[in-house]
């Protein structure tokens, strides 16, 4: 069951946060360790502040990736966040 819509607001789970590691670069610190993120993953995670919806994140990312449509960015952001959701790094709320 896909919980994600453009109005979905991603929220990091307790104990999870984005950080720049001196050796590994962009990482997501989680209670079990850390996950390395590529540049795009770090941009997405950096825009997740618990207030922005996926649509708002996509609009901001569109400035960095003008060759992609906002709709395709929404889909890619959703896939990335779904992977984090499965690993219990991100939960979802919905903007009203």
N, C-alpha and C. Protein backbone atom coordinates (compact mmCIF):
# COMPACT_ATOMS: atom_id res chain seq x y z
N UNK A 1 0.85 -1.18 0.00
CA UNK A 1 0.00 0.00 0.00
C UNK A 1 0.89 1.24 0.00
N UNK A 2 0.72 2.09 -0.97
CA UNK A 2 1.52 3.29 -1.09
C UNK A 2 0.83 4.43 -0.35
N UNK A 3 1.51 4.96 0.66
CA UNK A 3 0.95 6.03 1.48
C UNK A 3 1.27 7.41 0.94
N UNK A 4 2.04 7.47 -0.12
CA UNK A 4 2.56 8.75 -0.59
C UNK A 4 1.66 9.41 -1.62
N UNK A 5 1.39 10.69 -1.40
CA UNK A 5 0.74 11.56 -2.37
C UNK A 5 1.59 12.83 -2.43
N UNK A 6 1.35 13.70 -3.39
CA UNK A 6 2.12 14.95 -3.41
C UNK A 6 1.96 15.78 -2.14
N UNK A 7 0.85 15.59 -1.40
CA UNK A 7 0.63 16.33 -0.15
C UNK A 7 1.28 15.68 1.06
N UNK A 8 1.88 14.51 0.87
CA UNK A 8 2.53 13.81 1.98
C UNK A 8 3.70 14.64 2.49
N UNK A 9 3.82 14.69 3.81
CA UNK A 9 4.93 15.40 4.46
C UNK A 9 5.83 14.35 5.12
N UNK A 10 7.05 14.19 4.61
CA UNK A 10 7.97 13.24 5.23
C UNK A 10 8.56 13.79 6.52
N UNK A 11 8.65 12.93 7.53
CA UNK A 11 9.17 13.30 8.84
C UNK A 11 10.17 12.23 9.26
N UNK A 12 11.38 12.63 9.64
CA UNK A 12 12.36 11.66 10.10
C UNK A 12 11.91 11.02 11.41
N UNK A 13 12.14 9.72 11.52
CA UNK A 13 11.83 9.00 12.75
C UNK A 13 12.81 9.40 13.85
N UNK A 14 12.42 9.17 15.07
CA UNK A 14 13.25 9.48 16.22
C UNK A 14 14.62 8.82 16.08
N UNK A 15 15.67 9.58 16.28
CA UNK A 15 17.03 9.05 16.22
C UNK A 15 17.65 9.06 14.84
N UNK A 16 16.93 9.56 13.84
CA UNK A 16 17.45 9.60 12.47
C UNK A 16 17.71 11.05 12.07
N UNK A 17 18.88 11.29 11.48
CA UNK A 17 19.20 12.65 11.04
C UNK A 17 20.25 12.63 9.95
N UNK A 18 20.26 13.66 9.16
CA UNK A 18 21.22 13.83 8.08
C UNK A 18 22.48 14.48 8.63
N UNK A 19 23.62 14.01 8.17
CA UNK A 19 24.89 14.58 8.62
C UNK A 19 25.94 14.39 7.53
N UNK A 20 26.94 15.26 7.53
CA UNK A 20 28.09 15.10 6.65
C UNK A 20 29.20 14.46 7.45
N UNK A 21 29.63 13.27 7.01
CA UNK A 21 30.68 12.51 7.68
C UNK A 21 32.00 12.86 7.01
N UNK A 22 33.09 13.03 7.78
CA UNK A 22 34.36 13.44 7.19
C UNK A 22 34.94 12.43 6.19
N UNK A 23 34.60 11.18 6.30
CA UNK A 23 35.13 10.16 5.38
C UNK A 23 34.08 9.74 4.36
N UNK A 24 32.86 9.49 4.82
CA UNK A 24 31.83 8.91 3.96
C UNK A 24 30.95 9.94 3.26
N UNK A 25 31.09 11.21 3.57
CA UNK A 25 30.28 12.24 2.92
C UNK A 25 28.89 12.34 3.54
N UNK A 26 27.88 12.45 2.68
CA UNK A 26 26.50 12.60 3.14
C UNK A 26 25.98 11.27 3.66
N UNK A 27 25.55 11.27 4.92
CA UNK A 27 25.04 10.04 5.53
C UNK A 27 23.77 10.36 6.31
N UNK A 28 22.95 9.33 6.45
CA UNK A 28 21.78 9.40 7.32
C UNK A 28 22.14 8.57 8.54
N UNK A 29 22.23 9.25 9.69
CA UNK A 29 22.50 8.53 10.93
C UNK A 29 21.19 7.93 11.42
N UNK A 30 21.24 6.64 11.74
CA UNK A 30 20.07 5.90 12.22
C UNK A 30 20.49 5.16 13.48
N UNK A 31 19.54 4.75 14.30
CA UNK A 31 19.92 4.06 15.54
C UNK A 31 20.84 2.85 15.32
N UNK A 32 20.71 2.17 14.19
CA UNK A 32 21.52 0.97 13.93
C UNK A 32 22.86 1.29 13.28
N UNK A 33 23.13 2.54 12.92
CA UNK A 33 24.38 2.88 12.23
C UNK A 33 24.19 4.07 11.33
N UNK A 34 24.64 3.92 10.07
CA UNK A 34 24.49 5.01 9.11
C UNK A 34 24.29 4.45 7.72
N UNK A 35 23.66 5.25 6.88
CA UNK A 35 23.42 4.91 5.49
C UNK A 35 24.02 6.02 4.65
N UNK A 36 24.87 5.66 3.71
CA UNK A 36 25.45 6.66 2.81
C UNK A 36 24.41 7.11 1.79
N UNK A 37 24.40 8.40 1.53
CA UNK A 37 23.48 8.98 0.55
C UNK A 37 24.27 9.61 -0.59
N UNK A 38 23.75 9.46 -1.80
CA UNK A 38 24.36 10.18 -2.91
C UNK A 38 23.93 11.64 -2.84
N UNK A 39 24.42 12.45 -3.76
CA UNK A 39 24.15 13.88 -3.71
C UNK A 39 22.65 14.20 -3.78
N UNK A 40 21.94 13.51 -4.66
CA UNK A 40 20.51 13.75 -4.80
C UNK A 40 19.76 13.31 -3.55
N UNK A 41 20.11 12.15 -3.00
CA UNK A 41 19.48 11.67 -1.78
C UNK A 41 19.69 12.65 -0.63
N UNK A 42 20.89 13.21 -0.55
CA UNK A 42 21.19 14.18 0.50
C UNK A 42 20.38 15.46 0.30
N UNK A 43 20.18 15.87 -0.97
CA UNK A 43 19.36 17.06 -1.22
C UNK A 43 17.92 16.82 -0.78
N UNK A 44 17.39 15.65 -1.13
CA UNK A 44 16.01 15.33 -0.74
C UNK A 44 15.90 15.30 0.78
N UNK A 45 16.80 14.57 1.43
CA UNK A 45 16.76 14.46 2.89
C UNK A 45 16.92 15.84 3.54
N UNK A 46 17.78 16.68 2.97
CA UNK A 46 17.99 18.01 3.52
C UNK A 46 16.76 18.91 3.42
N UNK A 47 15.89 18.61 2.48
CA UNK A 47 14.67 19.41 2.31
C UNK A 47 13.51 18.89 3.16
N UNK A 48 13.69 17.71 3.75
CA UNK A 48 12.65 17.13 4.62
C UNK A 48 12.77 17.75 6.00
N UNK A 49 11.91 18.73 6.27
CA UNK A 49 11.97 19.43 7.56
C UNK A 49 10.73 19.17 8.42
N UNK A 50 9.89 18.22 7.99
CA UNK A 50 8.68 17.95 8.75
C UNK A 50 7.54 18.90 8.45
N UNK A 51 7.79 19.87 7.56
CA UNK A 51 6.76 20.83 7.18
C UNK A 51 6.49 20.84 5.69
N UNK A 52 7.53 20.56 4.90
CA UNK A 52 7.38 20.58 3.44
C UNK A 52 6.74 19.29 2.95
N UNK A 53 5.81 19.45 2.00
CA UNK A 53 5.21 18.28 1.36
C UNK A 53 6.14 17.81 0.24
N UNK A 54 5.86 16.63 -0.27
CA UNK A 54 6.65 16.11 -1.39
C UNK A 54 6.54 17.05 -2.58
N UNK A 55 5.37 17.61 -2.83
CA UNK A 55 5.21 18.56 -3.94
C UNK A 55 6.09 19.79 -3.74
N UNK A 56 6.18 20.29 -2.51
CA UNK A 56 7.03 21.46 -2.23
C UNK A 56 8.51 21.09 -2.40
N UNK A 57 8.89 19.90 -1.96
CA UNK A 57 10.27 19.44 -2.13
C UNK A 57 10.59 19.34 -3.62
N UNK A 58 9.67 18.80 -4.40
CA UNK A 58 9.88 18.66 -5.84
C UNK A 58 10.05 20.02 -6.51
N UNK A 59 9.26 21.00 -6.08
CA UNK A 59 9.38 22.35 -6.64
C UNK A 59 10.77 22.92 -6.38
N UNK A 60 11.27 22.73 -5.17
CA UNK A 60 12.62 23.23 -4.84
C UNK A 60 13.69 22.47 -5.63
N UNK A 61 13.54 21.16 -5.77
CA UNK A 61 14.51 20.36 -6.51
C UNK A 61 14.49 20.69 -8.00
N UNK A 62 13.34 21.10 -8.50
CA UNK A 62 13.22 21.43 -9.92
C UNK A 62 14.18 22.55 -10.31
N UNK A 63 14.54 23.41 -9.37
CA UNK A 63 15.52 24.46 -9.63
C UNK A 63 16.88 23.87 -9.95
N UNK A 64 17.23 22.75 -9.32
CA UNK A 64 18.52 22.09 -9.56
C UNK A 64 18.47 21.14 -10.75
N UNK A 65 17.27 20.69 -11.11
CA UNK A 65 17.09 19.72 -12.19
C UNK A 65 16.02 20.23 -13.17
N UNK A 66 16.29 21.36 -13.85
CA UNK A 66 15.26 21.96 -14.71
C UNK A 66 14.91 21.11 -15.93
N UNK A 67 15.75 20.15 -16.28
CA UNK A 67 15.46 19.29 -17.43
C UNK A 67 14.43 18.22 -17.12
N UNK A 68 14.10 18.04 -15.85
CA UNK A 68 13.08 17.06 -15.44
C UNK A 68 11.78 17.79 -15.13
N UNK A 69 10.67 17.10 -15.34
CA UNK A 69 9.37 17.69 -14.98
C UNK A 69 9.16 17.57 -13.47
N UNK A 70 8.36 18.46 -12.93
CA UNK A 70 8.06 18.36 -11.50
C UNK A 70 7.34 17.06 -11.17
N UNK A 71 6.52 16.57 -12.10
CA UNK A 71 5.82 15.31 -11.89
C UNK A 71 6.81 14.15 -11.75
N UNK A 72 7.84 14.13 -12.61
CA UNK A 72 8.82 13.04 -12.51
C UNK A 72 9.65 13.17 -11.23
N UNK A 73 9.90 14.40 -10.81
CA UNK A 73 10.64 14.61 -9.56
C UNK A 73 9.80 14.14 -8.38
N UNK A 74 8.50 14.43 -8.40
CA UNK A 74 7.61 13.96 -7.33
C UNK A 74 7.68 12.44 -7.24
N UNK A 75 7.64 11.77 -8.39
CA UNK A 75 7.70 10.30 -8.40
C UNK A 75 9.03 9.80 -7.84
N UNK A 76 10.14 10.41 -8.26
CA UNK A 76 11.46 9.97 -7.80
C UNK A 76 11.65 10.23 -6.31
N UNK A 77 11.18 11.37 -5.85
CA UNK A 77 11.24 11.67 -4.41
C UNK A 77 10.42 10.65 -3.63
N UNK A 78 9.24 10.32 -4.15
CA UNK A 78 8.39 9.33 -3.50
C UNK A 78 9.06 7.97 -3.40
N UNK A 79 9.72 7.53 -4.46
CA UNK A 79 10.42 6.24 -4.45
C UNK A 79 11.54 6.26 -3.41
N UNK A 80 12.32 7.34 -3.39
CA UNK A 80 13.41 7.46 -2.42
C UNK A 80 12.88 7.41 -0.99
N UNK A 81 11.83 8.20 -0.72
CA UNK A 81 11.28 8.25 0.63
C UNK A 81 10.62 6.93 1.02
N UNK A 82 10.02 6.25 0.05
CA UNK A 82 9.44 4.94 0.35
C UNK A 82 10.52 3.96 0.81
N UNK A 83 11.70 4.04 0.20
CA UNK A 83 12.81 3.17 0.63
C UNK A 83 13.22 3.50 2.06
N UNK A 84 13.24 4.78 2.39
CA UNK A 84 13.57 5.17 3.77
C UNK A 84 12.44 4.76 4.73
N UNK A 85 11.21 4.83 4.26
CA UNK A 85 10.06 4.43 5.09
C UNK A 85 10.13 2.95 5.44
N UNK A 86 10.48 2.13 4.47
CA UNK A 86 10.60 0.69 4.70
C UNK A 86 11.67 0.39 5.74
N UNK A 87 12.73 1.21 5.75
CA UNK A 87 13.82 1.03 6.72
C UNK A 87 13.54 1.73 8.04
N UNK A 88 12.33 2.28 8.18
CA UNK A 88 11.90 2.98 9.40
C UNK A 88 12.75 4.22 9.72
N UNK A 89 13.09 4.93 8.66
CA UNK A 89 13.85 6.17 8.79
C UNK A 89 12.92 7.37 8.64
N UNK A 90 11.87 7.20 7.86
CA UNK A 90 10.91 8.28 7.58
C UNK A 90 9.50 7.79 7.86
N UNK A 91 8.72 8.65 8.47
CA UNK A 91 7.27 8.44 8.59
C UNK A 91 6.60 9.50 7.76
N UNK A 92 5.30 9.38 7.58
CA UNK A 92 4.54 10.32 6.76
C UNK A 92 3.43 10.96 7.57
N UNK A 93 3.24 12.24 7.29
CA UNK A 93 2.00 12.90 7.72
C UNK A 93 1.46 13.57 6.46
N UNK A 94 0.30 14.14 6.54
CA UNK A 94 -0.30 14.76 5.36
C UNK A 94 -0.65 16.20 5.67
N UNK A 95 -0.27 17.09 4.74
CA UNK A 95 -0.57 18.51 4.94
C UNK A 95 -2.06 18.72 4.83
N UNK A 96 -2.53 19.73 5.49
CA UNK A 96 -3.97 20.02 5.45
C UNK A 96 -4.25 21.34 4.82
